[in-house]
């Protein structure tokens, strides 16, 4: 029986997806270019556009067609001094149910002096009985600029799907010049749908997003608050110690996407990736 269990574990591990991207970008003659690109497993990165201002756009593709329990993915991005990079994904990422182990995603972002990074992946869609553990670690040099946005949708409402139970651990750590300036952790475990119905959590919404802008100030806050009734969901934004942060909650993914585009535009994340607008 033990031998059979070990064999089944080996088969399970052998069928798990593993992917990694390591990308470094440099600036030369006013244009941002790839310096090194490493791809492994099911993750790929493509470069469809260089903007008129010389910024580079990278699109991450997961050829596994989604993620599930036991899958492991790593993304390492380094933006060299004065380079400018926007990162998005080819589609919304789907994380399916797990039979036990977590889906693990680790993101490391390093932004050099005078460089700018816009981390703008499309939504992460979670399915019932999901288990996702994600960590995002950001190191900014003095004078670097960052816009970091992540959106999570708990079940596809348009498809009649709901996420009743699961596990989500999402941890962000952001440092500037080696000093921690932003630390945030979200943990939802067990009856997630029940918790999202609570007024103090999501008030029944099933889609939420966080946005961080560095540098950010009260002018950024005022620009977002000026959206007023243009937002169909709930929105909160504040600034402190040189950064601005916004939280969004909406009834579904479509409403969240609409609000996200408005907030990112107000925060100066333009032009948005074309894939966001298709």
C-alpha atoms as a PDB file:
ATOM      1  CA  UNK A   1       0.000   0.000   0.000  1.00  0.00           C
ATOM      2  CA  UNK A   2       2.867   2.386   0.868  1.00  0.00           C
ATOM      3  CA  UNK A   3       4.612   1.562  -2.401  1.00  0.00           C
ATOM      4  CA  UNK A   4       1.407   2.278  -4.319  1.00  0.00           C
ATOM      5  CA  UNK A   5       0.953   5.587  -2.505  1.00  0.00           C
ATOM      6  CA  UNK A   6       4.532   6.616  -3.310  1.00  0.00           C
ATOM      7  CA  UNK A   7       4.047   5.684  -6.955  1.00  0.00           C
ATOM      8  CA  UNK A   8       0.839   7.696  -7.161  1.00  0.00           C
ATOM      9  CA  UNK A   9       2.629  10.677  -5.615  1.00  0.00           C
ATOM     10  CA  UNK A  10       5.386  10.415  -8.224  1.00  0.00           C
ATOM     11  CA  UNK A  11       2.830  10.298 -11.041  1.00  0.00           C
ATOM     12  CA  UNK A  12       0.995  13.306  -9.574  1.00  0.00           C
ATOM     13  CA  UNK A  13       4.239  15.310  -9.273  1.00  0.00           C
ATOM     14  CA  UNK A  14       5.257  14.357 -12.803  1.00  0.00           C
ATOM     15  CA  UNK A  15       2.041  15.816 -14.179  1.00  0.00           C
ATOM     16  CA  UNK A  16       2.345  19.170 -12.416  1.00  0.00           C
ATOM     17  CA  UNK A  17       3.235  22.252 -14.437  1.00  0.00           C
ATOM     18  CA  UNK A  18       6.414  24.136 -13.626  1.00  0.00           C
ATOM     19  CA  UNK A  19       7.374  27.394 -15.304  1.00  0.00           C
ATOM     20  CA  UNK A  20       9.889  30.176 -14.890  1.00  0.00           C
ATOM     21  CA  UNK A  21      10.748  33.443 -16.607  1.00  0.00           C
ATOM     22  CA  UNK A  22      13.856  35.504 -15.934  1.00  0.00           C
ATOM     23  CA  UNK A  23      13.889  38.772 -17.881  1.00  0.00           C
ATOM     24  CA  UNK A  24      16.317  41.675 -17.748  1.00  0.00           C
ATOM     25  CA  UNK A  25      15.706  44.939 -19.608  1.00  0.00           C
ATOM     26  CA  UNK A  26      18.208  47.691 -20.323  1.00  0.00           C
ATOM     27  CA  UNK A  27      18.048  51.179 -21.848  1.00  0.00           C
ATOM     28  CA  UNK A  28      20.129  52.352 -24.799  1.00  0.00           C
ATOM     29  CA  UNK A  29      19.735  55.426 -26.986  1.00  0.00           C
ATOM     30  CA  UNK A  30      16.446  56.302 -25.339  1.00  0.00           C
ATOM     31  CA  UNK A  31      14.852  52.905 -26.004  1.00  0.00           C
ATOM     32  CA  UNK A  32      14.283  49.958 -23.679  1.00  0.00           C
ATOM     33  CA  UNK A  33      15.506  46.598 -24.928  1.00  0.00           C
ATOM     34  CA  UNK A  34      15.759  43.004 -23.796  1.00  0.00           C
ATOM     35  CA  UNK A  35      19.145  42.203 -22.318  1.00  0.00           C
ATOM     36  CA  UNK A  36      18.515  38.598 -21.271  1.00  0.00           C
ATOM     37  CA  UNK A  37      15.475  36.342 -21.533  1.00  0.00           C
ATOM     38  CA  UNK A  38      15.213  32.913 -19.914  1.00  0.00           C
ATOM     39  CA  UNK A  39      12.134  30.721 -20.283  1.00  0.00           C
ATOM     40  CA  UNK A  40      11.529  27.315 -18.716  1.00  0.00           C
ATOM     41  CA  UNK A  41       8.565  24.976 -18.525  1.00  0.00           C
ATOM     42  CA  UNK A  42       5.184  26.348 -19.523  1.00  0.00           C
ATOM     43  CA  UNK A  43       5.908  30.067 -19.129  1.00  0.00           C
ATOM     44  CA  UNK A  44       6.819  32.212 -22.130  1.00  0.00           C
ATOM     45  CA  UNK A  45       7.265  35.944 -22.645  1.00  0.00           C
ATOM     46  CA  UNK A  46       6.673  37.846 -25.868  1.00  0.00           C
ATOM     47  CA  UNK A  47       7.413  41.449 -26.860  1.00  0.00           C
ATOM     48  CA  UNK A  48       4.756  42.747 -29.265  1.00  0.00           C
ATOM     49  CA  UNK A  49       5.348  46.473 -28.955  1.00  0.00           C
ATOM     50  CA  UNK A  50       7.879  49.190 -28.299  1.00  0.00           C
ATOM     51  CA  UNK A  51       5.991  52.402 -27.581  1.00  0.00           C
ATOM     52  CA  UNK A  52       6.721  55.670 -29.343  1.00  0.00           C
ATOM     53  CA  UNK A  53       8.393  56.902 -26.148  1.00  0.00           C
ATOM     54  CA  UNK A  54      10.789  53.917 -26.182  1.00  0.00           C
ATOM     55  CA  UNK A  55       9.107  51.867 -23.443  1.00  0.00           C
ATOM     56  CA  UNK A  56       9.034  48.090 -23.897  1.00  0.00           C
ATOM     57  CA  UNK A  57       5.950  45.884 -23.447  1.00  0.00           C
ATOM     58  CA  UNK A  58       6.229  42.252 -22.325  1.00  0.00           C
ATOM     59  CA  UNK A  59       3.363  39.737 -22.467  1.00  0.00           C
ATOM     60  CA  UNK A  60       3.531  36.608 -20.306  1.00  0.00           C
ATOM     61  CA  UNK A  61       1.960  33.450 -21.739  1.00  0.00           C
ATOM     62  CA  UNK A  62       1.197  30.295 -19.751  1.00  0.00           C
ATOM     63  CA  UNK A  63       1.079  27.461 -22.263  1.00  0.00           C
ATOM     64  CA  UNK A  64      -0.250  25.086 -19.587  1.00  0.00           C
ATOM     65  CA  UNK A  65      -3.673  26.692 -20.046  1.00  0.00           C
ATOM     66  CA  UNK A  66      -4.101  27.470 -16.369  1.00  0.00           C
ATOM     67  CA  UNK A  67      -2.798  26.461 -12.958  1.00  0.00           C
ATOM     68  CA  UNK A  68      -3.807  23.865 -10.403  1.00  0.00           C
ATOM     69  CA  UNK A  69      -2.654  22.308  -7.150  1.00  0.00           C
ATOM     70  CA  UNK A  70       1.020  21.369  -7.109  1.00  0.00           C
ATOM     71  CA  UNK A  71       1.966  23.670 -10.010  1.00  0.00           C
ATOM     72  CA  UNK A  72       4.898  26.025  -9.372  1.00  0.00           C
ATOM     73  CA  UNK A  73       5.677  29.216 -11.278  1.00  0.00           C
ATOM     74  CA  UNK A  74       8.391  31.832 -10.838  1.00  0.00           C
ATOM     75  CA  UNK A  75       8.843  35.206 -12.523  1.00  0.00           C
ATOM     76  CA  UNK A  76      11.995  37.319 -12.081  1.00  0.00           C
ATOM     77  CA  UNK A  77      12.145  40.698 -13.805  1.00  0.00           C
ATOM     78  CA  UNK A  78      14.975  43.227 -13.615  1.00  0.00           C
ATOM     79  CA  UNK A  79      14.548  46.685 -15.147  1.00  0.00           C
ATOM     80  CA  UNK A  80      17.899  48.418 -15.568  1.00  0.00           C
ATOM     81  CA  UNK A  81      18.661  52.076 -14.934  1.00  0.00           C
ATOM     82  CA  UNK A  82      16.359  54.473 -16.887  1.00  0.00           C
ATOM     83  CA  UNK A  83      14.659  51.583 -18.737  1.00  0.00           C
ATOM     84  CA  UNK A  84      10.851  51.444 -18.959  1.00  0.00           C
ATOM     85  CA  UNK A  85       8.824  48.254 -19.044  1.00  0.00           C
ATOM     86  CA  UNK A  86       5.134  47.336 -18.990  1.00  0.00           C
ATOM     87  CA  UNK A  87       4.277  43.708 -18.178  1.00  0.00           C
ATOM     88  CA  UNK A  88       0.889  42.111 -18.787  1.00  0.00           C
ATOM     89  CA  UNK A  89      -0.503  38.644 -19.534  1.00  0.00           C
ATOM     90  CA  UNK A  90      -2.000  37.257 -22.714  1.00  0.00           C
ATOM     91  CA  UNK A  91      -5.251  36.393 -20.920  1.00  0.00           C
ATOM     92  CA  UNK A  92      -6.795  36.160 -17.500  1.00  0.00           C
ATOM     93  CA  UNK A  93      -5.000  33.442 -15.525  1.00  0.00           C
ATOM     94  CA  UNK A  94      -7.217  30.605 -14.285  1.00  0.00           C
ATOM     95  CA  UNK A  95      -6.379  28.720 -11.098  1.00  0.00           C
ATOM     96  CA  UNK A  96      -8.367  25.502 -10.794  1.00  0.00           C
ATOM     97  CA  UNK A  97      -9.312  23.306  -7.831  1.00  0.00           C
ATOM     98  CA  UNK A  98      -6.649  21.420  -5.932  1.00  0.00           C
ATOM     99  CA  UNK A  99      -6.704  17.888  -4.582  1.00  0.00           C
ATOM    100  CA  UNK A 100      -4.456  18.982  -1.713  1.00  0.00           C
ATOM    101  CA  UNK A 101      -1.245  20.904  -2.492  1.00  0.00           C
ATOM    102  CA  UNK A 102      -1.052  24.640  -3.142  1.00  0.00           C
ATOM    103  CA  UNK A 103      -0.501  26.300  -6.478  1.00  0.00           C
ATOM    104  CA  UNK A 104       2.632  28.381  -5.876  1.00  0.00           C
ATOM    105  CA  UNK A 105       3.471  31.596  -7.710  1.00  0.00           C
ATOM    106  CA  UNK A 106       6.538  33.679  -6.840  1.00  0.00           C
ATOM    107  CA  UNK A 107       7.164  37.072  -8.449  1.00  0.00           C
ATOM    108  CA  UNK A 108      10.350  39.085  -7.958  1.00  0.00           C
ATOM    109  CA  UNK A 109      10.640  42.573  -9.474  1.00  0.00           C
ATOM    110  CA  UNK A 110      13.815  44.671  -9.393  1.00  0.00           C
ATOM    111  CA  UNK A 111      13.680  48.246 -10.716  1.00  0.00           C
ATOM    112  CA  UNK A 112      16.878  50.242 -11.099  1.00  0.00           C
ATOM    113  CA  UNK A 113      17.633  53.971 -10.670  1.00  0.00           C
ATOM    114  CA  UNK A 114      15.417  56.175 -12.830  1.00  0.00           C
ATOM    115  CA  UNK A 115      13.657  53.102 -14.268  1.00  0.00           C
ATOM    116  CA  UNK A 116       9.894  52.546 -14.490  1.00  0.00           C
ATOM    117  CA  UNK A 117       7.872  49.344 -14.260  1.00  0.00           C
ATOM    118  CA  UNK A 118       4.129  48.903 -14.780  1.00  0.00           C
ATOM    119  CA  UNK A 119       3.091  45.427 -13.584  1.00  0.00           C
ATOM    120  CA  UNK A 120      -0.396  45.022 -15.091  1.00  0.00           C
ATOM    121  CA  UNK A 121      -1.386  41.371 -15.495  1.00  0.00           C
ATOM    122  CA  UNK A 122      -4.959  40.590 -16.434  1.00  0.00           C
ATOM    123  CA  UNK A 123      -7.242  39.140 -13.769  1.00  0.00           C
ATOM    124  CA  UNK A 124      -6.548  35.944 -11.844  1.00  0.00           C
ATOM    125  CA  UNK A 125      -9.734  33.839 -11.824  1.00  0.00           C
ATOM    126  CA  UNK A 126     -10.090  31.389  -8.939  1.00  0.00           C
ATOM    127  CA  UNK A 127     -12.261  28.265  -9.153  1.00  0.00           C
ATOM    128  CA  UNK A 128     -13.998  26.400  -6.353  1.00  0.00           C
ATOM    129  CA  UNK A 129     -11.685  24.423  -4.017  1.00  0.00           C
ATOM    130  CA  UNK A 130      -8.682  26.399  -5.226  1.00  0.00           C
ATOM    131  CA  UNK A 131      -5.480  26.578  -3.192  1.00  0.00           C
ATOM    132  CA  UNK A 132      -3.231  29.468  -4.242  1.00  0.00           C
ATOM    133  CA  UNK A 133      -0.140  30.820  -2.523  1.00  0.00           C
ATOM    134  CA  UNK A 134       1.372  33.864  -4.229  1.00  0.00           C
ATOM    135  CA  UNK A 135       4.235  36.116  -3.168  1.00  0.00           C
ATOM    136  CA  UNK A 136       5.272  39.379  -4.837  1.00  0.00           C
ATOM    137  CA  UNK A 137       8.601  40.912  -3.789  1.00  0.00           C
ATOM    138  CA  UNK A 138       9.635  44.281  -5.225  1.00  0.00           C
ATOM    139  CA  UNK A 139      12.963  46.080  -4.827  1.00  0.00           C
ATOM    140  CA  UNK A 140      13.091  49.662  -6.088  1.00  0.00           C
ATOM    141  CA  UNK A 141      16.189  51.809  -6.334  1.00  0.00           C
ATOM    142  CA  UNK A 142      15.936  55.424  -5.278  1.00  0.00           C
ATOM    143  CA  UNK A 143      14.185  57.361  -8.035  1.00  0.00           C
ATOM    144  CA  UNK A 144      12.534  54.282  -9.566  1.00  0.00           C
ATOM    145  CA  UNK A 145       8.846  54.359 -10.489  1.00  0.00           C
ATOM    146  CA  UNK A 146       6.294  51.608 -10.055  1.00  0.00           C
ATOM    147  CA  UNK A 147       2.650  50.880 -10.792  1.00  0.00           C
ATOM    148  CA  UNK A 148       1.624  47.460  -9.500  1.00  0.00           C
ATOM    149  CA  UNK A 149      -1.916  46.163 -10.027  1.00  0.00           C
ATOM    150  CA  UNK A 150      -3.396  42.745  -9.301  1.00  0.00           C
ATOM    151  CA  UNK A 151      -7.039  41.699  -9.674  1.00  0.00           C
ATOM    152  CA  UNK A 152      -8.682  38.530  -8.352  1.00  0.00           C
ATOM    153  CA  UNK A 153     -12.074  37.170  -9.402  1.00  0.00           C
ATOM    154  CA  UNK A 154     -13.704  34.528  -7.200  1.00  0.00           C
ATOM    155  CA  UNK A 155     -15.603  32.468  -9.771  1.00  0.00           C
ATOM    156  CA  UNK A 156     -16.923  33.419 -13.212  1.00  0.00           C
ATOM    157  CA  UNK A 157     -20.347  34.896 -12.536  1.00  0.00           C
ATOM    158  CA  UNK A 158     -21.202  35.121 -16.237  1.00  0.00           C
ATOM    159  CA  UNK A 159     -20.747  31.333 -16.476  1.00  0.00           C
ATOM    160  CA  UNK A 160     -22.895  30.682 -13.413  1.00  0.00           C
ATOM    161  CA  UNK A 161     -19.838  29.540 -11.444  1.00  0.00           C
ATOM    162  CA  UNK A 162     -19.250  30.270  -7.769  1.00  0.00           C
ATOM    163  CA  UNK A 163     -16.305  29.753  -5.469  1.00  0.00           C
ATOM    164  CA  UNK A 164     -17.648  28.389  -2.203  1.00  0.00           C
ATOM    165  CA  UNK A 165     -14.518  27.132  -0.469  1.00  0.00           C
ATOM    166  CA  UNK A 166     -10.771  27.332  -0.974  1.00  0.00           C
ATOM    167  CA  UNK A 167      -7.551  28.854   0.245  1.00  0.00           C
ATOM    168  CA  UNK A 168      -5.844  32.066  -0.860  1.00  0.00           C
ATOM    169  CA  UNK A 169      -2.639  33.523   0.545  1.00  0.00           C
ATOM    170  CA  UNK A 170      -1.369  36.622  -1.268  1.00  0.00           C
ATOM    171  CA  UNK A 171       1.664  38.466   0.129  1.00  0.00           C
ATOM    172  CA  UNK A 172       3.239  41.700  -1.156  1.00  0.00           C
ATOM    173  CA  UNK A 173       6.522  43.169   0.094  1.00  0.00           C
ATOM    174  CA  UNK A 174       7.922  46.376  -1.457  1.00  0.00           C
ATOM    175  CA  UNK A 175      11.264  47.950  -0.611  1.00  0.00           C
ATOM    176  CA  UNK A 176      12.809  51.227  -1.736  1.00  0.00           C
ATOM    177  CA  UNK A 177      16.570  51.506  -1.353  1.00  0.00           C
ATOM    178  CA  UNK A 178      16.478  48.341   0.758  1.00  0.00           C
ATOM    179  CA  UNK A 179      13.945  49.749   3.256  1.00  0.00           C
ATOM    180  CA  UNK A 180      10.497  48.223   3.562  1.00  0.00           C
ATOM    181  CA  UNK A 181       7.812  50.743   2.531  1.00  0.00           C
ATOM    182  CA  UNK A 182       4.791  48.510   1.909  1.00  0.00           C
ATOM    183  CA  UNK A 183       3.782  45.131   3.350  1.00  0.00           C
ATOM    184  CA  UNK A 184       0.422  43.553   2.681  1.00  0.00           C
ATOM    185  CA  UNK A 185      -0.946  40.047   3.184  1.00  0.00           C
ATOM    186  CA  UNK A 186      -4.358  38.651   2.322  1.00  0.00           C
ATOM    187  CA  UNK A 187      -5.470  35.266   3.627  1.00  0.00           C
ATOM    188  CA  UNK A 188      -8.858  33.722   2.932  1.00  0.00           C
ATOM    189  CA  UNK A 189      -9.373  30.137   4.025  1.00  0.00           C
ATOM    190  CA  UNK A 190     -12.286  27.715   4.159  1.00  0.00           C
ATOM    191  CA  UNK A 191     -15.747  29.187   3.395  1.00  0.00           C
ATOM    192  CA  UNK A 192     -14.559  32.044   1.166  1.00  0.00           C
ATOM    193  CA  UNK A 193     -17.996  32.809  -0.304  1.00  0.00           C
ATOM    194  CA  UNK A 194     -19.416  33.291   3.183  1.00  0.00           C
ATOM    195  CA  UNK A 195     -16.625  35.677   4.101  1.00  0.00           C
ATOM    196  CA  UNK A 196     -16.992  37.711   0.906  1.00  0.00           C
ATOM    197  CA  UNK A 197     -20.627  38.302   1.754  1.00  0.00           C
ATOM    198  CA  UNK A 198     -19.648  40.134   4.932  1.00  0.00           C
ATOM    199  CA  UNK A 199     -20.022  43.887   4.675  1.00  0.00           C
ATOM    200  CA  UNK A 200     -16.567  44.596   6.086  1.00  0.00           C
ATOM    201  CA  UNK A 201     -14.868  42.308   3.555  1.00  0.00           C
ATOM    202  CA  UNK A 202     -16.539  42.503   0.122  1.00  0.00           C
ATOM    203  CA  UNK A 203     -20.235  43.131   0.845  1.00  0.00           C
ATOM    204  CA  UNK A 204     -21.195  40.370  -1.579  1.00  0.00           C
ATOM    205  CA  UNK A 205     -18.717  41.307  -4.310  1.00  0.00           C
ATOM    206  CA  UNK A 206     -16.727  38.528  -5.971  1.00  0.00           C
ATOM    207  CA  UNK A 207     -14.001  40.595  -7.627  1.00  0.00           C
ATOM    208  CA  UNK A 208     -11.331  42.714  -5.986  1.00  0.00           C
ATOM    209  CA  UNK A 209      -8.098  44.464  -6.887  1.00  0.00           C
ATOM    210  CA  UNK A 210      -5.186  46.306  -5.316  1.00  0.00           C
ATOM    211  CA  UNK A 211      -3.087  49.003  -6.970  1.00  0.00           C
ATOM    212  CA  UNK A 212       0.145  50.504  -5.681  1.00  0.00           C
ATOM    213  CA  UNK A 213       1.872  53.567  -7.154  1.00  0.00           C
ATOM    214  CA  UNK A 214       5.366  54.756  -6.218  1.00  0.00           C
ATOM    215  CA  UNK A 215       5.939  57.644  -6.067  1.00  0.00           C
ATOM    216  CA  UNK A 216       2.399  58.548  -5.109  1.00  0.00           C
ATOM    217  CA  UNK A 217       0.949  61.580  -3.377  1.00  0.00           C
ATOM    218  CA  UNK A 218      -2.280  63.408  -2.599  1.00  0.00           C
ATOM    219  CA  UNK A 219      -2.518  64.574  -6.212  1.00  0.00           C
ATOM    220  CA  UNK A 220      -2.782  60.914  -7.272  1.00  0.00           C
ATOM    221  CA  UNK A 221      -5.446  60.355  -4.612  1.00  0.00           C
ATOM    222  CA  UNK A 222      -7.415  63.385  -5.818  1.00  0.00           C
ATOM    223  CA  UNK A 223      -7.273  62.165  -9.425  1.00  0.00           C
ATOM    224  CA  UNK A 224      -8.749  58.800  -8.411  1.00  0.00           C
ATOM    225  CA  UNK A 225     -11.411  60.311  -6.161  1.00  0.00           C
ATOM    226  CA  UNK A 226     -12.443  62.602  -9.006  1.00  0.00           C
ATOM    227  CA  UNK A 227     -13.820  59.503 -10.747  1.00  0.00           C
ATOM    228  CA  UNK A 228     -16.694  59.657  -8.272  1.00  0.00           C
ATOM    229  CA  UNK A 229     -19.805  57.916  -9.557  1.00  0.00           C
ATOM    230  CA  UNK A 230     -17.993  56.720 -12.675  1.00  0.00           C
ATOM    231  CA  UNK A 231     -16.964  53.668 -10.632  1.00  0.00           C
ATOM    232  CA  UNK A 232     -19.634  50.983 -10.467  1.00  0.00           C
ATOM    233  CA  UNK A 233     -18.035  49.167  -7.521  1.00  0.00           C
ATOM    234  CA  UNK A 234     -16.500  50.301  -4.247  1.00  0.00           C
ATOM    235  CA  UNK A 235     -13.211  52.193  -4.236  1.00  0.00           C
ATOM    236  CA  UNK A 236     -10.841  53.385  -1.539  1.00  0.00           C
ATOM    237  CA  UNK A 237      -7.567  55.252  -2.068  1.00  0.00           C
ATOM    238  CA  UNK A 238      -4.990  56.909   0.158  1.00  0.00           C
ATOM    239  CA  UNK A 239      -1.384  58.162   0.110  1.00  0.00           C
ATOM    240  CA  UNK A 240       1.370  58.146   2.723  1.00  0.00           C
ATOM    241  CA  UNK A 241       5.175  58.190   2.864  1.00  0.00           C
ATOM    242  CA  UNK A 242       5.576  58.754  -0.865  1.00  0.00           C
ATOM    243  CA  UNK A 243       3.233  56.034  -2.136  1.00  0.00           C
ATOM    244  CA  UNK A 244      -0.436  55.767  -3.097  1.00  0.00           C
ATOM    245  CA  UNK A 245      -2.593  52.660  -2.759  1.00  0.00           C
ATOM    246  CA  UNK A 246      -6.085  51.870  -4.024  1.00  0.00           C
ATOM    247  CA  UNK A 247      -8.470  49.005  -3.270  1.00  0.00           C
ATOM    248  CA  UNK A 248     -11.392  48.046  -5.466  1.00  0.00           C
ATOM    249  CA  UNK A 249     -14.299  45.655  -4.937  1.00  0.00           C
ATOM    250  CA  UNK A 250     -16.969  44.922  -7.541  1.00  0.00           C
ATOM    251  CA  UNK A 251     -19.917  42.621  -8.124  1.00  0.00           C
ATOM    252  CA  UNK A 252     -18.148  40.699 -10.913  1.00  0.00           C
ATOM    253  CA  UNK A 253     -15.066  40.629 -13.100  1.00  0.00           C
ATOM    254  CA  UNK A 254     -16.505  42.811 -15.863  1.00  0.00           C
ATOM    255  CA  UNK A 255     -17.389  45.596 -13.424  1.00  0.00           C
ATOM    256  CA  UNK A 256     -13.966  45.337 -11.818  1.00  0.00           C
ATOM    257  CA  UNK A 257     -12.184  45.578 -15.187  1.00  0.00           C
ATOM    258  CA  UNK A 258     -14.132  48.755 -16.014  1.00  0.00           C
ATOM    259  CA  UNK A 259     -13.212  50.369 -12.706  1.00  0.00           C
ATOM    260  CA  UNK A 260      -9.598  49.230 -12.930  1.00  0.00           C
ATOM    261  CA  UNK A 261      -9.126  50.880 -16.315  1.00  0.00           C
ATOM    262  CA  UNK A 262     -10.516  54.144 -14.923  1.00  0.00           C
ATOM    263  CA  UNK A 263      -8.308  54.101 -11.833  1.00  0.00           C
ATOM    264  CA  UNK A 264      -5.149  53.127 -13.717  1.00  0.00           C
ATOM    265  CA  UNK A 265      -5.799  55.873 -16.247  1.00  0.00           C
ATOM    266  CA  UNK A 266      -6.255  58.396 -13.435  1.00  0.00           C
ATOM    267  CA  UNK A 267      -2.954  57.229 -11.919  1.00  0.00           C
ATOM    268  CA  UNK A 268      -1.122  57.808 -15.191  1.00  0.00           C
ATOM    269  CA  UNK A 269      -0.651  54.182 -16.268  1.00  0.00           C
ATOM    270  CA  UNK A 270      -0.954  55.108 -19.916  1.00  0.00           C
ATOM    271  CA  UNK A 271      -0.985  53.752 -22.451  1.00  0.00           C
ATOM    272  CA  UNK A 272      -2.548  50.597 -21.033  1.00  0.00           C
ATOM    273  CA  UNK A 273      -1.563  47.328 -22.747  1.00  0.00           C
ATOM    274  CA  UNK A 274      -3.638  46.723 -25.865  1.00  0.00           C
ATOM    275  CA  UNK A 275      -4.732  43.349 -24.511  1.00  0.00           C
ATOM    276  CA  UNK A 276      -6.535  45.163 -21.680  1.00  0.00           C
ATOM    277  CA  UNK A 277      -8.671  47.030 -24.169  1.00  0.00           C
ATOM    278  CA  UNK A 278      -9.617  44.182 -26.536  1.00  0.00           C
END
